[in-house]
Amino acid sequence: MNIIELSDICKWYTRGTEKLHILKHISLSIQKSDFVAIIGPSGSGKSTMMNTIGLLDTPSSGDYKLDGVATEKLSDNGLAEIRNRKIGFIFQQFNLLPRLTALQNVEPPMIYAGIPPKVRRERAQRMLEKLGMGGRGHHRPSELSGGQQQRVAISRALAISPSIILADEPTGALDSRTSAEVLELIVQLNEQGNTIVLITHDNHIADNAKRVISLRDGEIVGDVRNAPLPVPTEAPVPELVPEVVT
């Protein structure tokens, strides 16, 4: 079953009388439990593709169905609601709030979802424990390594059990050893049934995906499957992953 369906998506910006085309007639389907890397050089349209899939931006034309819902028919509030329920974001720079503890940094998606404080605090603790960060819940980001901060960010992304995990250059701010460990964690999450869409410019990172889609100048120029589509599972939950050694 397709969880993402982009049909003839175009995105452009107007500068005076000129149109700057960023995405050009993109048609793409991604099935549940797949692991897809979207790769391309700077200026290829990767970020715009990510923003479109993540409902952070709307296309200029075309149709986008997310888990069967026609998103072009939704209001801004409707887009925010479906985004909060169905998409977990992992960013290159972690996007943790510096004054909050690791535990508190996992909570925001659950706050937006209206989950009561006691329940979200317990769930945040469970997520940190499953990602090997149970003993660091009261540490602030400045007291954590890059790999540990990314694990907190992944815990936050998984806290609402999203249909999709959208990872934007998730290893870009990490050293090579920690990058490999975090990438292995993302692979494990996919093996446990999570749908992963990973944005990257690095072919070596993309090689870990089961399917690689190449962008250039706003168009799809390649679509290669590296591994068979996995069998979907119900309600994926990450298993305990050993903590990154620092």
C-alpha atoms as a PDB file:
ATOM      1  CA  MET A   1       0.000   0.000   0.000  1.00  0.00           C
ATOM      2  CA  ASN A   2       1.349   3.414  -0.941  1.00  0.00           C
ATOM      3  CA  ILE A   3       1.803   5.819   1.948  1.00  0.00           C
ATOM      4  CA  ILE A   4       3.178   8.663  -0.221  1.00  0.00           C
ATOM      5  CA  GLU A   5       1.758   9.504  -3.645  1.00  0.00           C
ATOM      6  CA  LEU A   6       3.038  12.524  -5.548  1.00  0.00           C
ATOM      7  CA  SER A   7       1.307  13.107  -8.895  1.00  0.00           C
ATOM      8  CA  ASP A   8       2.704  15.634 -11.393  1.00  0.00           C
ATOM      9  CA  ILE A   9       4.037  17.881  -8.615  1.00  0.00           C
ATOM     10  CA  CYS A  10       5.496  21.223  -9.662  1.00  0.00           C
ATOM     11  CA  LYS A  11       6.910  23.942  -7.463  1.00  0.00           C
ATOM     12  CA  TRP A  12       7.896  27.393  -8.636  1.00  0.00           C
ATOM     13  CA  TYR A  13       8.545  30.830  -7.207  1.00  0.00           C
ATOM     14  CA  THR A  14       7.754  34.060  -9.024  1.00  0.00           C
ATOM     15  CA  ARG A  15      10.342  36.814  -9.290  1.00  0.00           C
ATOM     16  CA  GLY A  16       8.730  39.722 -11.069  1.00  0.00           C
ATOM     17  CA  THR A  17       7.535  38.275 -14.356  1.00  0.00           C
ATOM     18  CA  GLU A  18       9.879  35.275 -14.183  1.00  0.00           C
ATOM     19  CA  LYS A  19       9.049  31.833 -12.748  1.00  0.00           C
ATOM     20  CA  LEU A  20      11.834  29.943 -10.986  1.00  0.00           C
ATOM     21  CA  HIS A  21      10.975  26.238 -11.324  1.00  0.00           C
ATOM     22  CA  ILE A  22      12.252  24.104  -8.417  1.00  0.00           C
ATOM     23  CA  LEU A  23      10.320  20.832  -8.934  1.00  0.00           C
ATOM     24  CA  LYS A  24       9.193  19.806 -12.411  1.00  0.00           C
ATOM     25  CA  HIS A  25       6.379  17.281 -12.860  1.00  0.00           C
ATOM     26  CA  ILE A  26       7.394  14.926 -10.066  1.00  0.00           C
ATOM     27  CA  SER A  27       5.376  11.698  -9.884  1.00  0.00           C
ATOM     28  CA  LEU A  28       6.428   9.294  -7.150  1.00  0.00           C
ATOM     29  CA  SER A  29       4.898   6.588  -4.953  1.00  0.00           C
ATOM     30  CA  ILE A  30       6.451   5.158  -1.787  1.00  0.00           C
ATOM     31  CA  GLN A  31       5.045   2.090  -0.076  1.00  0.00           C
ATOM     32  CA  LYS A  32       4.698   1.497   3.647  1.00  0.00           C
ATOM     33  CA  SER A  33       7.765   0.097   5.425  1.00  0.00           C
ATOM     34  CA  ASP A  34      10.106   1.044   2.578  1.00  0.00           C
ATOM     35  CA  PHE A  35      13.436   2.833   3.032  1.00  0.00           C
ATOM     36  CA  VAL A  36      13.927   5.421   0.297  1.00  0.00           C
ATOM     37  CA  ALA A  37      16.870   7.765  -0.164  1.00  0.00           C
ATOM     38  CA  ILE A  38      16.377  10.922  -2.239  1.00  0.00           C
ATOM     39  CA  ILE A  39      19.760  12.047  -3.511  1.00  0.00           C
ATOM     40  CA  GLY A  40      21.073  14.897  -5.604  1.00  0.00           C
ATOM     41  CA  PRO A  41      23.560  17.764  -5.676  1.00  0.00           C
ATOM     42  CA  SER A  42      22.941  21.195  -4.207  1.00  0.00           C
ATOM     43  CA  GLY A  43      20.157  22.928  -6.119  1.00  0.00           C
ATOM     44  CA  SER A  44      18.608  19.689  -7.356  1.00  0.00           C
ATOM     45  CA  GLY A  45      15.356  20.206  -5.436  1.00  0.00           C
ATOM     46  CA  LYS A  46      15.992  17.835  -2.508  1.00  0.00           C
ATOM     47  CA  SER A  47      15.033  20.339   0.191  1.00  0.00           C
ATOM     48  CA  THR A  48      11.879  21.344  -1.653  1.00  0.00           C
ATOM     49  CA  MET A  49      10.996  17.674  -2.085  1.00  0.00           C
ATOM     50  CA  MET A  50      11.512  17.131   1.641  1.00  0.00           C
ATOM     51  CA  ASN A  51       9.365  20.135   2.510  1.00  0.00           C
ATOM     52  CA  THR A  52       6.627  18.901   0.192  1.00  0.00           C
ATOM     53  CA  ILE A  53       6.603  15.354   1.566  1.00  0.00           C
ATOM     54  CA  GLY A  54       6.739  16.724   5.124  1.00  0.00           C
ATOM     55  CA  LEU A  55       3.828  19.142   4.500  1.00  0.00           C
ATOM     56  CA  LEU A  56       6.090  22.062   5.372  1.00  0.00           C
ATOM     57  CA  ASP A  57       5.424  23.555   1.950  1.00  0.00           C
ATOM     58  CA  THR A  58       2.645  23.182  -0.621  1.00  0.00           C
ATOM     59  CA  PRO A  59       3.205  22.497  -4.327  1.00  0.00           C
ATOM     60  CA  SER A  60       2.321  25.055  -6.975  1.00  0.00           C
ATOM     61  CA  SER A  61       0.449  22.367  -8.901  1.00  0.00           C
ATOM     62  CA  GLY A  62      -0.152  18.629  -8.771  1.00  0.00           C
ATOM     63  CA  ASP A  63      -1.614  16.283  -6.177  1.00  0.00           C
ATOM     64  CA  TYR A  64      -0.151  14.799  -3.006  1.00  0.00           C
ATOM     65  CA  LYS A  65      -1.820  12.014  -1.048  1.00  0.00           C
ATOM     66  CA  LEU A  66      -0.363  11.106   2.341  1.00  0.00           C
ATOM     67  CA  ASP A  67      -1.634   7.789   3.678  1.00  0.00           C
ATOM     68  CA  GLY A  68      -4.649   8.126   1.387  1.00  0.00           C
ATOM     69  CA  VAL A  69      -5.482  11.733   2.348  1.00  0.00           C
ATOM     70  CA  ALA A  70      -5.566  14.360  -0.420  1.00  0.00           C
ATOM     71  CA  THR A  71      -3.464  17.075   1.197  1.00  0.00           C
ATOM     72  CA  GLU A  72      -4.339  19.830  -1.286  1.00  0.00           C
ATOM     73  CA  LYS A  73      -7.825  19.885   0.218  1.00  0.00           C
ATOM     74  CA  LEU A  74      -6.585  20.567   3.751  1.00  0.00           C
ATOM     75  CA  SER A  75      -6.413  23.937   5.510  1.00  0.00           C
ATOM     76  CA  ASP A  76      -3.211  25.109   7.199  1.00  0.00           C
ATOM     77  CA  ASN A  77      -4.538  23.735  10.497  1.00  0.00           C
ATOM     78  CA  GLY A  78      -5.429  20.473   8.800  1.00  0.00           C
ATOM     79  CA  LEU A  79      -1.947  20.191   7.325  1.00  0.00           C
ATOM     80  CA  ALA A  80      -0.383  20.873  10.736  1.00  0.00           C
ATOM     81  CA  GLU A  81      -2.570  18.232  12.352  1.00  0.00           C
ATOM     82  CA  ILE A  82      -1.812  15.495   9.838  1.00  0.00           C
ATOM     83  CA  ARG A  83       1.887  16.439   9.848  1.00  0.00           C
ATOM     84  CA  ASN A  84       2.036  16.125  13.633  1.00  0.00           C
ATOM     85  CA  ARG A  85       0.263  12.767  13.644  1.00  0.00           C
ATOM     86  CA  LYS A  86       1.931  11.060  10.716  1.00  0.00           C
ATOM     87  CA  ILE A  87       5.467  12.435  10.244  1.00  0.00           C
ATOM     88  CA  GLY A  88       8.482  12.285  12.511  1.00  0.00           C
ATOM     89  CA  PHE A  89      11.325  14.638  11.535  1.00  0.00           C
ATOM     90  CA  ILE A  90      15.061  14.066  12.028  1.00  0.00           C
ATOM     91  CA  PHE A  91      17.232  17.049  11.098  1.00  0.00           C
ATOM     92  CA  GLN A  92      20.931  17.473  10.418  1.00  0.00           C
ATOM     93  CA  GLN A  93      21.381  20.017  13.230  1.00  0.00           C
ATOM     94  CA  PHE A  94      19.185  18.037  15.692  1.00  0.00           C
ATOM     95  CA  ASN A  95      16.976  21.106  16.428  1.00  0.00           C
ATOM     96  CA  LEU A  96      16.994  20.496  20.167  1.00  0.00           C
ATOM     97  CA  LEU A  97      16.015  23.317  22.514  1.00  0.00           C
ATOM     98  CA  PRO A  98      19.186  24.192  24.465  1.00  0.00           C
ATOM     99  CA  ARG A  99      17.510  25.077  27.775  1.00  0.00           C
ATOM    100  CA  LEU A 100      15.469  21.891  27.943  1.00  0.00           C
ATOM    101  CA  THR A 101      16.638  18.486  29.101  1.00  0.00           C
ATOM    102  CA  ALA A 102      16.756  15.488  26.775  1.00  0.00           C
ATOM    103  CA  LEU A 103      13.504  14.267  28.310  1.00  0.00           C
ATOM    104  CA  GLN A 104      11.798  17.627  27.734  1.00  0.00           C
ATOM    105  CA  ASN A 105      13.116  17.780  24.162  1.00  0.00           C
ATOM    106  CA  VAL A 106      11.267  14.565  23.297  1.00  0.00           C
ATOM    107  CA  GLU A 107       7.914  15.975  24.443  1.00  0.00           C
ATOM    108  CA  PRO A 108       6.944  18.789  21.957  1.00  0.00           C
ATOM    109  CA  PRO A 109       5.214  16.580  19.325  1.00  0.00           C
ATOM    110  CA  MET A 110       3.152  15.024  22.113  1.00  0.00           C
ATOM    111  CA  ILE A 111       2.274  18.472  23.481  1.00  0.00           C
ATOM    112  CA  TYR A 112       0.924  19.457  20.060  1.00  0.00           C
ATOM    113  CA  ALA A 113      -0.988  16.167  19.939  1.00  0.00           C
ATOM    114  CA  GLY A 114      -2.720  17.019  23.227  1.00  0.00           C
ATOM    115  CA  ILE A 115      -1.231  14.144  25.227  1.00  0.00           C
ATOM    116  CA  PRO A 116      -1.494  14.778  29.004  1.00  0.00           C
ATOM    117  CA  PRO A 117       1.742  15.763  30.814  1.00  0.00           C
ATOM    118  CA  LYS A 118       2.114  12.575  32.876  1.00  0.00           C
ATOM    119  CA  VAL A 119       1.554  10.315  29.878  1.00  0.00           C
ATOM    120  CA  ARG A 120       3.940  12.197  27.601  1.00  0.00           C
ATOM    121  CA  ARG A 121       6.654  12.304  30.268  1.00  0.00           C
ATOM    122  CA  GLU A 122       6.407   8.532  30.733  1.00  0.00           C
ATOM    123  CA  ARG A 123       6.410   7.955  26.974  1.00  0.00           C
ATOM    124  CA  ALA A 124       9.404  10.270  26.499  1.00  0.00           C
ATOM    125  CA  GLN A 125      11.332   8.291  29.106  1.00  0.00           C
ATOM    126  CA  ARG A 126      10.455   4.998  27.403  1.00  0.00           C
ATOM    127  CA  MET A 127      11.591   6.317  24.027  1.00  0.00           C
ATOM    128  CA  LEU A 128      14.934   7.478  25.435  1.00  0.00           C
ATOM    129  CA  GLU A 129      15.436   4.097  27.085  1.00  0.00           C
ATOM    130  CA  LYS A 130      14.738   2.266  23.826  1.00  0.00           C
ATOM    131  CA  LEU A 131      17.300   4.445  22.062  1.00  0.00           C
ATOM    132  CA  GLY A 132      19.953   3.816  24.727  1.00  0.00           C
ATOM    133  CA  MET A 133      19.591   7.237  26.361  1.00  0.00           C
ATOM    134  CA  GLY A 134      17.589   6.354  29.472  1.00  0.00           C
ATOM    135  CA  GLY A 135      20.334   7.494  31.829  1.00  0.00           C
ATOM    136  CA  ARG A 136      20.709  10.912  30.192  1.00  0.00           C
ATOM    137  CA  GLY A 137      17.150  12.191  30.302  1.00  0.00           C
ATOM    138  CA  HIS A 138      18.049  15.112  32.593  1.00  0.00           C
ATOM    139  CA  HIS A 139      21.067  16.237  30.555  1.00  0.00           C
ATOM    140  CA  ARG A 140      20.807  19.321  28.371  1.00  0.00           C
ATOM    141  CA  PRO A 141      22.010  19.220  24.734  1.00  0.00           C
ATOM    142  CA  SER A 142      25.301  20.953  25.596  1.00  0.00           C
ATOM    143  CA  GLU A 143      26.075  18.032  27.928  1.00  0.00           C
ATOM    144  CA  LEU A 144      25.579  15.429  25.186  1.00  0.00           C
ATOM    145  CA  SER A 145      27.728  14.322  22.257  1.00  0.00           C
ATOM    146  CA  GLY A 146      26.529  14.775  18.681  1.00  0.00           C
ATOM    147  CA  GLY A 147      25.495  11.136  18.448  1.00  0.00           C
ATOM    148  CA  GLN A 148      23.603  11.349  21.723  1.00  0.00           C
ATOM    149  CA  GLN A 149      21.816  14.513  20.586  1.00  0.00           C
ATOM    150  CA  GLN A 150      20.757  12.767  17.385  1.00  0.00           C
ATOM    151  CA  ARG A 151      19.379   9.881  19.445  1.00  0.00           C
ATOM    152  CA  VAL A 152      17.301  12.361  21.423  1.00  0.00           C
ATOM    153  CA  ALA A 153      16.080  13.808  18.118  1.00  0.00           C
ATOM    154  CA  ILE A 154      15.172  10.324  16.873  1.00  0.00           C
ATOM    155  CA  SER A 155      13.345   9.631  20.150  1.00  0.00           C
ATOM    156  CA  ARG A 156      11.368  12.833  19.568  1.00  0.00           C
ATOM    157  CA  ALA A 157      10.555  11.782  16.006  1.00  0.00           C
ATOM    158  CA  LEU A 158       9.256   8.401  17.169  1.00  0.00           C
ATOM    159  CA  ALA A 159       7.298   9.653  20.183  1.00  0.00           C
ATOM    160  CA  ILE A 160       3.988   9.918  18.323  1.00  0.00           C
ATOM    161  CA  SER A 161       4.441   6.625  16.405  1.00  0.00           C
ATOM    162  CA  PRO A 162       4.458   8.373  13.001  1.00  0.00           C
ATOM    163  CA  SER A 163       3.681   6.670   9.698  1.00  0.00           C
ATOM    164  CA  ILE A 164       6.807   8.196   8.148  1.00  0.00           C
ATOM    165  CA  ILE A 165      10.227   9.144   9.475  1.00  0.00           C
ATOM    166  CA  LEU A 166      11.633  11.946   7.317  1.00  0.00           C
ATOM    167  CA  ALA A 167      15.389  12.303   7.830  1.00  0.00           C
ATOM    168  CA  ASP A 168      17.114  15.363   6.334  1.00  0.00           C
ATOM    169  CA  GLU A 169      20.892  14.755   6.129  1.00  0.00           C
ATOM    170  CA  PRO A 170      20.708  13.060   9.576  1.00  0.00           C
ATOM    171  CA  THR A 171      24.447  12.316   9.726  1.00  0.00           C
ATOM    172  CA  GLY A 172      25.696  15.568   8.185  1.00  0.00           C
ATOM    173  CA  ALA A 173      26.771  17.135  11.496  1.00  0.00           C
ATOM    174  CA  LEU A 174      28.470  13.998  12.853  1.00  0.00           C
ATOM    175  CA  ASP A 175      31.950  12.507  12.574  1.00  0.00           C
ATOM    176  CA  SER A 176      32.358   9.409  10.415  1.00  0.00           C
ATOM    177  CA  ARG A 177      32.200   6.860  13.257  1.00  0.00           C
ATOM    178  CA  THR A 178      29.128   8.360  14.867  1.00  0.00           C
ATOM    179  CA  SER A 179      27.533   8.818  11.434  1.00  0.00           C
ATOM    180  CA  ALA A 180      27.859   5.094  10.812  1.00  0.00           C
ATOM    181  CA  GLU A 181      26.283   4.312  14.196  1.00  0.00           C
ATOM    182  CA  VAL A 182      23.325   6.643  13.652  1.00  0.00           C
ATOM    183  CA  LEU A 183      22.820   5.330  10.122  1.00  0.00           C
ATOM    184  CA  GLU A 184      22.790   1.779  11.463  1.00  0.00           C
ATOM    185  CA  LEU A 185      20.127   2.864  13.948  1.00  0.00           C
ATOM    186  CA  ILE A 186      17.998   4.236  11.091  1.00  0.00           C
ATOM    187  CA  VAL A 187      18.446   0.962   9.184  1.00  0.00           C
ATOM    188  CA  GLN A 188      17.289  -0.948  12.266  1.00  0.00           C
ATOM    189  CA  LEU A 189      14.216   1.278  12.588  1.00  0.00           C
ATOM    190  CA  ASN A 190      13.306   0.430   9.008  1.00  0.00           C
ATOM    191  CA  GLU A 191      13.845  -3.285   9.654  1.00  0.00           C
ATOM    192  CA  GLN A 192      11.345  -2.979  12.506  1.00  0.00           C
ATOM    193  CA  GLY A 193       8.714  -1.667  10.077  1.00  0.00           C
ATOM    194  CA  ASN A 194       9.126   2.115  10.028  1.00  0.00           C
ATOM    195  CA  THR A 195       8.841   3.898   6.664  1.00  0.00           C
ATOM    196  CA  ILE A 196      12.001   5.958   6.127  1.00  0.00           C
ATOM    197  CA  VAL A 197      12.543   8.761   3.618  1.00  0.00           C
ATOM    198  CA  LEU A 198      16.115  10.013   3.831  1.00  0.00           C
ATOM    199  CA  ILE A 199      17.386  13.148   2.067  1.00  0.00           C
ATOM    200  CA  THR A 200      21.111  13.136   1.301  1.00  0.00           C
ATOM    201  CA  HIS A 201      23.777  14.300  -1.138  1.00  0.00           C
ATOM    202  CA  ASP A 202      26.077  11.382  -0.233  1.00  0.00           C
ATOM    203  CA  ASN A 203      26.007   8.249  -2.400  1.00  0.00           C
ATOM    204  CA  HIS A 204      27.537   6.149   0.372  1.00  0.00           C
ATOM    205  CA  ILE A 205      24.680   7.100   2.713  1.00  0.00           C
ATOM    206  CA  ALA A 206      22.107   6.451  -0.014  1.00  0.00           C
ATOM    207  CA  ASP A 207      23.516   2.967  -0.639  1.00  0.00           C
ATOM    208  CA  ASN A 208      22.054   1.861   2.704  1.00  0.00           C
ATOM    209  CA  ALA A 209      18.507   2.511   1.463  1.00  0.00           C
ATOM    210  CA  LYS A 210      16.367  -0.103  -0.255  1.00  0.00           C
ATOM    211  CA  ARG A 211      15.485   2.357  -3.016  1.00  0.00           C
ATOM    212  CA  VAL A 212      17.405   5.366  -4.333  1.00  0.00           C
ATOM    213  CA  ILE A 213      15.719   8.231  -6.204  1.00  0.00           C
ATOM    214  CA  SER A 214      18.046  10.703  -7.929  1.00  0.00           C
ATOM    215  CA  LEU A 215      17.105  14.340  -8.529  1.00  0.00           C
ATOM    216  CA  ARG A 216      18.726  16.816 -10.865  1.00  0.00           C
ATOM    217  CA  ASP A 217      17.439  20.277 -11.758  1.00  0.00           C
ATOM    218  CA  GLY A 218      14.085  19.517 -10.140  1.00  0.00           C
ATOM    219  CA  GLU A 219      13.437  16.303 -12.066  1.00  0.00           C
ATOM    220  CA  ILE A 220      13.714  12.605 -11.221  1.00  0.00           C
ATOM    221  CA  VAL A 221      16.582  11.224 -13.300  1.00  0.00           C
ATOM    222  CA  GLY A 222      17.000   7.855 -11.592  1.00  0.00           C
ATOM    223  CA  ASP A 223      14.982   5.380  -9.527  1.00  0.00           C
ATOM    224  CA  VAL A 224      16.821   2.230  -8.459  1.00  0.00           C
ATOM    225  CA  ARG A 225      15.745  -0.471  -6.020  1.00  0.00           C
ATOM    226  CA  ASN A 226      18.659  -1.947  -4.070  1.00  0.00           C
ATOM    227  CA  ALA A 227      16.670  -4.466  -2.015  1.00  0.00           C
ATOM    228  CA  PRO A 228      13.200  -6.043  -2.021  1.00  0.00           C
ATOM    229  CA  LEU A 229      10.353  -4.164  -0.375  1.00  0.00           C
ATOM    230  CA  PRO A 230      10.011  -5.433   3.228  1.00  0.00           C
ATOM    231  CA  VAL A 231       6.790  -6.921   4.569  1.00  0.00           C
ATOM    232  CA  PRO A 232       4.901  -4.211   6.538  1.00  0.00           C
ATOM    233  CA  THR A 233       4.349  -4.710  10.258  1.00  0.00           C
ATOM    234  CA  GLU A 234       1.724  -3.265  12.547  1.00  0.00           C
ATOM    235  CA  ALA A 235       2.545  -0.375  14.931  1.00  0.00           C
ATOM    236  CA  PRO A 236       6.372  -0.434  14.630  1.00  0.00           C
ATOM    237  CA  VAL A 237       8.206   0.167  17.884  1.00  0.00           C
ATOM    238  CA  PRO A 238      12.008   0.472  18.038  1.00  0.00           C
ATOM    239  CA  GLU A 239      13.867  -2.124  20.058  1.00  0.00           C
ATOM    240  CA  LEU A 240      16.552  -1.203  22.558  1.00  0.00           C
ATOM    241  CA  VAL A 241      19.612   0.039  20.689  1.00  0.00           C
ATOM    242  CA  PRO A 242      23.007   0.143  22.441  1.00  0.00           C
ATOM    243  CA  GLU A 243      24.127   3.649  23.330  1.00  0.00           C
ATOM    244  CA  VAL A 244      26.705   5.381  21.165  1.00  0.00           C
ATOM    245  CA  VAL A 245      30.133   5.149  22.776  1.00  0.00           C
ATOM    246  CA  THR A 246      31.749   8.574  23.129  1.00  0.00           C
END
